[in-house]
C-alpha atoms as a PDB file:
ATOM      1  CA  MET A   1     143.247-129.868  49.065  1.00  0.00           C
ATOM      2  CA  LYS A   2     144.315-126.921  46.959  1.00  0.00           C
ATOM      3  CA  HIS A   3     141.645-124.683  45.432  1.00  0.00           C
ATOM      4  CA  GLN A   4     142.133-123.966  41.715  1.00  0.00           C
ATOM      5  CA  THR A   5     140.183-121.886  39.249  1.00  0.00           C
ATOM      6  CA  LEU A   6     138.561-123.459  36.217  1.00  0.00           C
ATOM      7  CA  ASP A   7     141.247-121.874  34.010  1.00  0.00           C
ATOM      8  CA  GLN A   8     143.964-123.476  36.114  1.00  0.00           C
ATOM      9  CA  LEU A   9     142.259-126.860  35.830  1.00  0.00           C
ATOM     10  CA  HIS A  10     141.997-126.505  32.055  1.00  0.00           C
ATOM     11  CA  ALA A  11     145.783-126.189  31.943  1.00  0.00           C
ATOM     12  CA  VAL A  12     146.254-129.681  33.443  1.00  0.00           C
ATOM     13  CA  ALA A  13     143.071-131.575  32.555  1.00  0.00           C
ATOM     14  CA  LYS A  14     140.152-131.702  30.193  1.00  0.00           C
ATOM     15  CA  VAL A  15     137.193-130.266  32.106  1.00  0.00           C
ATOM     16  CA  GLU A  16     133.723-131.103  30.867  1.00  0.00           C
ATOM     17  CA  SER A  17     130.445-129.543  31.828  1.00  0.00           C
ATOM     18  CA  SER A  18     128.160-131.694  33.931  1.00  0.00           C
ATOM     19  CA  ALA A  19     125.361-130.740  31.504  1.00  0.00           C
ATOM     20  CA  ILE A  20     126.687-133.396  29.126  1.00  0.00           C
ATOM     21  CA  TYR A  21     125.746-136.032  31.677  1.00  0.00           C
ATOM     22  CA  SER A  22     122.097-135.687  30.773  1.00  0.00           C
ATOM     23  CA  MET A  23     121.384-137.086  27.321  1.00  0.00           C
ATOM     24  CA  THR A  24     118.310-138.347  25.569  1.00  0.00           C
ATOM     25  CA  ARG A  25     118.210-141.860  24.175  1.00  0.00           C
ATOM     26  CA  ASN A  26     118.991-140.624  20.663  1.00  0.00           C
ATOM     27  CA  GLN A  27     121.868-138.472  21.933  1.00  0.00           C
ATOM     28  CA  ARG A  28     123.389-141.502  23.690  1.00  0.00           C
ATOM     29  CA  ILE A  29     123.053-143.571  20.515  1.00  0.00           C
ATOM     30  CA  GLU A  30     124.557-140.784  18.384  1.00  0.00           C
ATOM     31  CA  ARG A  31     127.481-140.492  20.795  1.00  0.00           C
ATOM     32  CA  TRP A  32     128.056-144.246  20.411  1.00  0.00           C
ATOM     33  CA  ALA A  33     128.132-143.834  16.623  1.00  0.00           C
ATOM     34  CA  GLU A  34     130.544-140.892  16.922  1.00  0.00           C
ATOM     35  CA  LEU A  35     132.867-142.983  19.105  1.00  0.00           C
ATOM     36  CA  LEU A  36     132.872-145.713  16.471  1.00  0.00           C
ATOM     37  CA  ASP A  37     133.577-143.138  13.753  1.00  0.00           C
ATOM     38  CA  GLN A  38     136.672-141.877  15.605  1.00  0.00           C
ATOM     39  CA  ARG A  39     138.555-144.956  14.397  1.00  0.00           C
ATOM     40  CA  PRO A  40     136.549-146.073  11.336  1.00  0.00           C
ATOM     41  CA  GLU A  41     139.006-148.797  10.281  1.00  0.00           C
ATOM     42  CA  ARG A  42     139.124-150.383  13.754  1.00  0.00           C
ATOM     43  CA  CYS A  43     138.384-154.087  13.553  1.00  0.00           C
ATOM     44  CA  LEU A  44     135.623-155.053  15.996  1.00  0.00           C
ATOM     45  CA  GLY A  45     134.386-158.450  17.048  1.00  0.00           C
ATOM     46  CA  ALA A  46     130.840-159.604  16.348  1.00  0.00           C
ATOM     47  CA  PHE A  47     128.716-161.792  18.608  1.00  0.00           C
ATOM     48  CA  THR A  48     127.773-165.241  17.358  1.00  0.00           C
ATOM     49  CA  GLY A  49     124.128-166.199  16.908  1.00  0.00           C
ATOM     50  CA  THR A  50     122.490-163.787  19.331  1.00  0.00           C
ATOM     51  CA  GLU A  51     119.085-164.614  17.863  1.00  0.00           C
ATOM     52  CA  TYR A  52     119.448-168.259  18.910  1.00  0.00           C
ATOM     53  CA  LEU A  53     120.325-167.652  22.555  1.00  0.00           C
ATOM     54  CA  ARG A  54     117.812-167.703  25.379  1.00  0.00           C
ATOM     55  CA  PRO A  55     117.184-164.164  26.669  1.00  0.00           C
ATOM     56  CA  GLU A  56     119.049-164.785  29.957  1.00  0.00           C
ATOM     57  CA  ALA A  57     122.129-166.066  28.120  1.00  0.00           C
ATOM     58  CA  ARG A  58     121.950-163.384  25.418  1.00  0.00           C
ATOM     59  CA  ASP A  59     121.911-160.602  28.014  1.00  0.00           C
ATOM     60  CA  LYS A  60     125.218-161.870  29.473  1.00  0.00           C
ATOM     61  CA  VAL A  61     127.071-162.123  26.160  1.00  0.00           C
ATOM     62  CA  ARG A  62     130.102-159.896  25.781  1.00  0.00           C
ATOM     63  CA  GLY A  63     133.150-159.843  23.604  1.00  0.00           C
ATOM     64  CA  GLU A  64     136.430-158.028  23.965  1.00  0.00           C
ATOM     65  CA  GLY A  65     136.652-155.400  21.233  1.00  0.00           C
ATOM     66  CA  SER A  66     132.976-155.400  20.250  1.00  0.00           C
ATOM     67  CA  PRO A  67     130.999-152.298  19.215  1.00  0.00           C
ATOM     68  CA  ILE A  68     129.552-152.324  22.745  1.00  0.00           C
ATOM     69  CA  THR A  69     133.078-152.279  24.190  1.00  0.00           C
ATOM     70  CA  VAL A  70     133.735-149.053  22.262  1.00  0.00           C
ATOM     71  CA  ALA A  71     130.742-147.473  24.018  1.00  0.00           C
ATOM     72  CA  PHE A  72     131.862-148.762  27.412  1.00  0.00           C
ATOM     73  CA  GLU A  73     135.362-147.315  26.935  1.00  0.00           C
ATOM     74  CA  ASP A  74     133.800-143.829  26.923  1.00  0.00           C
ATOM     75  CA  PRO A  75     133.842-142.119  30.338  1.00  0.00           C
ATOM     76  CA  VAL A  76     130.822-139.980  29.441  1.00  0.00           C
ATOM     77  CA  LEU A  77     128.593-142.971  28.647  1.00  0.00           C
ATOM     78  CA  ARG A  78     129.807-144.696  31.811  1.00  0.00           C
ATOM     79  CA  ALA A  79     128.979-141.566  33.829  1.00  0.00           C
ATOM     80  CA  LEU A  80     125.511-141.642  32.281  1.00  0.00           C
ATOM     81  CA  GLY A  81     125.027-145.171  33.606  1.00  0.00           C
ATOM     82  CA  LEU A  82     126.498-147.683  31.148  1.00  0.00           C
ATOM     83  CA  LYS A  83     127.605-150.399  33.587  1.00  0.00           C
ATOM     84  CA  ASP A  84     129.480-152.876  31.380  1.00  0.00           C
ATOM     85  CA  ASP A  85     129.899-154.063  27.802  1.00  0.00           C
ATOM     86  CA  THR A  86     127.364-156.884  27.769  1.00  0.00           C
ATOM     87  CA  TYR A  87     124.569-157.277  25.253  1.00  0.00           C
ATOM     88  CA  GLY A  88     121.924-156.888  27.969  1.00  0.00           C
ATOM     89  CA  GLU A  89     123.450-153.719  29.372  1.00  0.00           C
ATOM     90  CA  ALA A  90     123.686-152.140  25.913  1.00  0.00           C
ATOM     91  CA  LYS A  91     120.070-153.092  25.298  1.00  0.00           C
ATOM     92  CA  ARG A  92     119.009-151.431  28.564  1.00  0.00           C
ATOM     93  CA  PHE A  93     121.222-148.345  28.364  1.00  0.00           C
ATOM     94  CA  PHE A  94     120.555-147.476  24.718  1.00  0.00           C
ATOM     95  CA  GLU A  95     116.893-148.550  25.029  1.00  0.00           C
ATOM     96  CA  LEU A  96     117.132-150.941  22.098  1.00  0.00           C
ATOM     97  CA  ASP A  97     115.088-154.015  21.366  1.00  0.00           C
ATOM     98  CA  ASP A  98     116.721-157.328  20.473  1.00  0.00           C
ATOM     99  CA  TRP A  99     116.004-156.855  16.791  1.00  0.00           C
ATOM    100  CA  HIS A 100     117.941-153.558  16.594  1.00  0.00           C
ATOM    101  CA  LEU A 101     120.851-154.625  18.793  1.00  0.00           C
ATOM    102  CA  HIS A 102     121.145-157.901  16.878  1.00  0.00           C
ATOM    103  CA  ASP A 103     121.396-155.842  13.693  1.00  0.00           C
ATOM    104  CA  ILE A 104     124.412-153.997  15.136  1.00  0.00           C
ATOM    105  CA  VAL A 105     126.426-156.754  16.833  1.00  0.00           C
ATOM    106  CA  CYS A 106     125.551-160.164  15.380  1.00  0.00           C
ATOM    107  CA  ASP A 107     127.940-162.053  13.102  1.00  0.00           C
ATOM    108  CA  CYS A 108     125.168-163.104  10.710  1.00  0.00           C
ATOM    109  CA  HIS A 109     125.449-159.683   9.050  1.00  0.00           C
ATOM    110  CA  VAL A 110     129.232-159.341   8.791  1.00  0.00           C
ATOM    111  CA  GLY A 111     131.034-162.490   9.844  1.00  0.00           C
ATOM    112  CA  ALA A 112     133.352-162.660  12.835  1.00  0.00           C
ATOM    113  CA  THR A 113     134.607-159.076  12.530  1.00  0.00           C
ATOM    114  CA  MET A 114     133.439-155.701  11.292  1.00  0.00           C
ATOM    115  CA  GLN A 115     134.910-152.282  10.750  1.00  0.00           C
ATOM    116  CA  ALA A 116     133.889-149.611  13.218  1.00  0.00           C
ATOM    117  CA  ARG A 117     132.591-147.531  10.277  1.00  0.00           C
ATOM    118  CA  TRP A 118     130.059-150.248   9.454  1.00  0.00           C
ATOM    119  CA  ALA A 119     128.980-150.532  13.098  1.00  0.00           C
ATOM    120  CA  ALA A 120     128.530-146.742  13.304  1.00  0.00           C
ATOM    121  CA  GLY A 121     126.172-146.871  10.342  1.00  0.00           C
ATOM    122  CA  ARG A 122     124.146-149.651  11.946  1.00  0.00           C
ATOM    123  CA  VAL A 123     124.002-147.744  15.240  1.00  0.00           C
ATOM    124  CA  ARG A 124     122.687-144.646  13.449  1.00  0.00           C
ATOM    125  CA  ALA A 125     120.164-146.768  11.563  1.00  0.00           C
ATOM    126  CA  THR A 126     118.504-147.587  14.884  1.00  0.00           C
ATOM    127  CA  ILE A 127     117.664-143.901  15.337  1.00  0.00           C
ATOM    128  CA  ARG A 128     116.233-143.685  11.810  1.00  0.00           C
ATOM    129  CA  GLY A 129     114.371-146.946  12.339  1.00  0.00           C
ATOM    130  CA  TYR A 130     112.665-145.723  15.495  1.00  0.00           C
ATOM    131  CA  ARG A 131     111.783-142.431  13.811  1.00  0.00           C
ATOM    132  CA  LEU A 132     110.201-144.303  10.904  1.00  0.00           C
ATOM    133  CA  LEU A 133     108.348-146.642  13.260  1.00  0.00           C
ATOM    134  CA  ASN A 134     107.002-143.726  15.313  1.00  0.00           C
ATOM    135  CA  TRP A 135     105.955-141.911  12.123  1.00  0.00           C
ATOM    136  CA  LEU A 136     104.090-145.041  10.942  1.00  0.00           C
ATOM    137  CA  ARG A 137     102.385-145.400  14.336  1.00  0.00           C
ATOM    138  CA  ARG A 138     101.189-141.795  14.179  1.00  0.00           C
ATOM    139  CA  LYS A 139      99.852-142.271  10.631  1.00  0.00           C
ATOM    140  CA  ILE A 140      98.004-145.442  11.571  1.00  0.00           C
ATOM    141  CA  ALA A 141      96.599-143.941  14.774  1.00  0.00           C
ATOM    142  CA  HIS A 142      95.067-140.955  12.950  1.00  0.00           C
END
């Protein structure tokens, strides 16, 4: 094994800090949205009827070229622990409930396909939605 300096490595590869491999929930979700925004016109596949599936079946659903696939293609999100591009794994990794994930990936909102730009907006809406929900909880609790 040959020892090389960081500058030498930069000449042949993209070197990222390991600090990026620690992200909050919202940072992971924002990264997902940014990945979708990189190719805003990309045509992505939607999942059919996620709200009608039993939880065990819903968690196993996946589709080639879905918004979740875009997240799984990212080496940073995989390094953070994203294991595959299934509905259940996205729900776990991004800490989403069924209602929010359904809003992003289900065909009842867009039909069989969607543009990545639209999916990015829905992904970001989950962050705003949780912020609003937490704000309402604080107001009600006090």
